[in-house]
Amino acid sequence: MVRLEVFSGDPPCPGCVAIIELAQKVASKYEGELELTILEGAEGLEKFEGYQLFCVPSAVVNGSIRIEGMCPSEATLNNALREGGLCLK
């Protein structure tokens, strides 16, 4: 199981909204293979600081920072997930 954690502001900025929608779209293709957690604002602060992230939106794959400060393209997110061990369909 590959873990994808998406960090967003609260309220979410346009980039945060976009990365959440993209992550949900990708996660729907990999049910049972990809575990998606969306952390908004203060609820994710402890993990945000633990990963030493500096800005949102951010995506962490299996504990490794893959995207920070922008909403990636679907191809970029897929590459990050593949590097994290997800077998792409």
C-alpha atoms as a PDB file:
ATOM      1  CA  MET A   1       0.000   0.000   0.000  1.00  0.00           C
ATOM      2  CA  VAL A   2       1.376   3.377  -1.049  1.00  0.00           C
ATOM      3  CA  ARG A   3       0.553   6.313   1.241  1.00  0.00           C
ATOM      4  CA  LEU A   4      -0.134   9.754  -0.246  1.00  0.00           C
ATOM      5  CA  GLU A   5      -0.517  12.647   2.184  1.00  0.00           C
ATOM      6  CA  VAL A   6      -1.675  15.983   0.774  1.00  0.00           C
ATOM      7  CA  PHE A   7      -1.220  19.139   2.862  1.00  0.00           C
ATOM      8  CA  SER A   8      -3.475  22.131   2.268  1.00  0.00           C
ATOM      9  CA  GLY A   9      -4.101  25.517   3.824  1.00  0.00           C
ATOM     10  CA  ASP A  10      -7.320  26.292   5.646  1.00  0.00           C
ATOM     11  CA  PRO A  11      -9.065  27.839   3.861  1.00  0.00           C
ATOM     12  CA  PRO A  12      -7.433  26.178   0.864  1.00  0.00           C
ATOM     13  CA  CYS A  13      -5.826  28.347  -1.800  1.00  0.00           C
ATOM     14  CA  PRO A  14      -6.587  27.631  -5.479  1.00  0.00           C
ATOM     15  CA  GLY A  15      -3.451  25.444  -5.721  1.00  0.00           C
ATOM     16  CA  CYS A  16      -4.545  23.484  -2.649  1.00  0.00           C
ATOM     17  CA  VAL A  17      -8.027  22.935  -4.097  1.00  0.00           C
ATOM     18  CA  ALA A  18      -6.460  21.748  -7.360  1.00  0.00           C
ATOM     19  CA  ILE A  19      -4.042  19.278  -5.736  1.00  0.00           C
ATOM     20  CA  ILE A  20      -6.818  17.827  -3.541  1.00  0.00           C
ATOM     21  CA  GLU A  21      -9.039  17.283  -6.592  1.00  0.00           C
ATOM     22  CA  LEU A  22      -6.144  15.753  -8.529  1.00  0.00           C
ATOM     23  CA  ALA A  23      -5.169  13.459  -5.636  1.00  0.00           C
ATOM     24  CA  GLN A  24      -8.776  12.282  -5.240  1.00  0.00           C
ATOM     25  CA  LYS A  25      -9.021  11.608  -8.991  1.00  0.00           C
ATOM     26  CA  VAL A  26      -5.799   9.566  -8.995  1.00  0.00           C
ATOM     27  CA  ALA A  27      -6.682   7.742  -5.749  1.00  0.00           C
ATOM     28  CA  SER A  28     -10.018   6.634  -7.228  1.00  0.00           C
ATOM     29  CA  LYS A  29      -8.077   4.684  -9.898  1.00  0.00           C
ATOM     30  CA  TYR A  30      -6.005   2.809  -7.304  1.00  0.00           C
ATOM     31  CA  GLU A  31      -8.508   1.774  -4.654  1.00  0.00           C
ATOM     32  CA  GLY A  32      -6.876  -0.761  -2.342  1.00  0.00           C
ATOM     33  CA  GLU A  33      -3.389   0.179  -3.575  1.00  0.00           C
ATOM     34  CA  LEU A  34      -3.212   3.874  -2.629  1.00  0.00           C
ATOM     35  CA  GLU A  35      -4.100   5.345   0.748  1.00  0.00           C
ATOM     36  CA  LEU A  36      -4.931   9.062   0.459  1.00  0.00           C
ATOM     37  CA  THR A  37      -4.916  11.377   3.475  1.00  0.00           C
ATOM     38  CA  ILE A  38      -5.812  15.049   3.096  1.00  0.00           C
ATOM     39  CA  LEU A  39      -4.637  17.321   5.902  1.00  0.00           C
ATOM     40  CA  GLU A  40      -5.973  20.878   5.993  1.00  0.00           C
ATOM     41  CA  GLY A  41      -4.564  23.691   8.107  1.00  0.00           C
ATOM     42  CA  ALA A  42      -4.033  23.079  11.821  1.00  0.00           C
ATOM     43  CA  GLU A  43      -5.138  19.422  11.680  1.00  0.00           C
ATOM     44  CA  GLY A  44      -1.976  18.585   9.734  1.00  0.00           C
ATOM     45  CA  LEU A  45       0.386  21.009  11.457  1.00  0.00           C
ATOM     46  CA  GLU A  46       2.230  18.406  13.544  1.00  0.00           C
ATOM     47  CA  LYS A  47       2.939  16.209  10.508  1.00  0.00           C
ATOM     48  CA  PHE A  48       3.676  19.297   8.371  1.00  0.00           C
ATOM     49  CA  GLU A  49       6.371  20.340  10.856  1.00  0.00           C
ATOM     50  CA  GLY A  50       7.564  16.750  11.244  1.00  0.00           C
ATOM     51  CA  TYR A  51       8.276  16.536   7.514  1.00  0.00           C
ATOM     52  CA  GLN A  52       9.889  19.998   7.684  1.00  0.00           C
ATOM     53  CA  LEU A  53       7.635  21.319   4.945  1.00  0.00           C
ATOM     54  CA  PHE A  54       7.732  25.052   4.227  1.00  0.00           C
ATOM     55  CA  CYS A  55       4.595  25.714   2.190  1.00  0.00           C
ATOM     56  CA  VAL A  56       1.377  24.306   0.823  1.00  0.00           C
ATOM     57  CA  PRO A  57       0.186  22.670  -1.272  1.00  0.00           C
ATOM     58  CA  SER A  58       2.452  19.710  -0.593  1.00  0.00           C
ATOM     59  CA  ALA A  59       2.370  15.991  -1.277  1.00  0.00           C
ATOM     60  CA  VAL A  60       4.285  13.345   0.661  1.00  0.00           C
ATOM     61  CA  VAL A  61       4.564   9.793  -0.701  1.00  0.00           C
ATOM     62  CA  ASN A  62       5.456   7.063   1.793  1.00  0.00           C
ATOM     63  CA  GLY A  63       7.044   9.629   4.106  1.00  0.00           C
ATOM     64  CA  SER A  64       9.113  11.300   1.372  1.00  0.00           C
ATOM     65  CA  ILE A  65       8.393  14.878   0.253  1.00  0.00           C
ATOM     66  CA  ARG A  66       7.607  14.788  -3.472  1.00  0.00           C
ATOM     67  CA  ILE A  67       5.782  18.041  -4.206  1.00  0.00           C
ATOM     68  CA  GLU A  68       5.870  21.357  -2.374  1.00  0.00           C
ATOM     69  CA  GLY A  69       4.492  24.803  -3.129  1.00  0.00           C
ATOM     70  CA  MET A  70       2.546  23.990  -6.306  1.00  0.00           C
ATOM     71  CA  CYS A  71      -0.139  21.811  -7.788  1.00  0.00           C
ATOM     72  CA  PRO A  72       1.581  19.270 -10.051  1.00  0.00           C
ATOM     73  CA  SER A  73       0.344  17.939 -13.342  1.00  0.00           C
ATOM     74  CA  GLU A  74      -1.262  14.502 -13.218  1.00  0.00           C
ATOM     75  CA  ALA A  75       1.862  13.069 -14.902  1.00  0.00           C
ATOM     76  CA  THR A  76       4.133  14.558 -12.209  1.00  0.00           C
ATOM     77  CA  LEU A  77       1.943  13.175  -9.411  1.00  0.00           C
ATOM     78  CA  ASN A  78       1.856   9.770 -11.117  1.00  0.00           C
ATOM     79  CA  ASN A  79       5.669   9.789 -11.381  1.00  0.00           C
ATOM     80  CA  ALA A  80       5.962  10.579  -7.665  1.00  0.00           C
ATOM     81  CA  LEU A  81       3.595   7.719  -6.858  1.00  0.00           C
ATOM     82  CA  ARG A  82       5.461   5.345  -9.164  1.00  0.00           C
ATOM     83  CA  GLU A  83       8.732   6.254  -7.453  1.00  0.00           C
ATOM     84  CA  GLY A  84       6.941   5.500  -4.165  1.00  0.00           C
ATOM     85  CA  GLY A  85       6.167   1.977  -5.367  1.00  0.00           C
ATOM     86  CA  LEU A  86       2.732   2.266  -6.983  1.00  0.00           C
ATOM     87  CA  CYS A  87       2.260   0.113 -10.074  1.00  0.00           C
ATOM     88  CA  LEU A  88       0.638   2.497 -12.564  1.00  0.00           C
ATOM     89  CA  LYS A  89      -2.287   1.273 -14.667  1.00  0.00           C
END
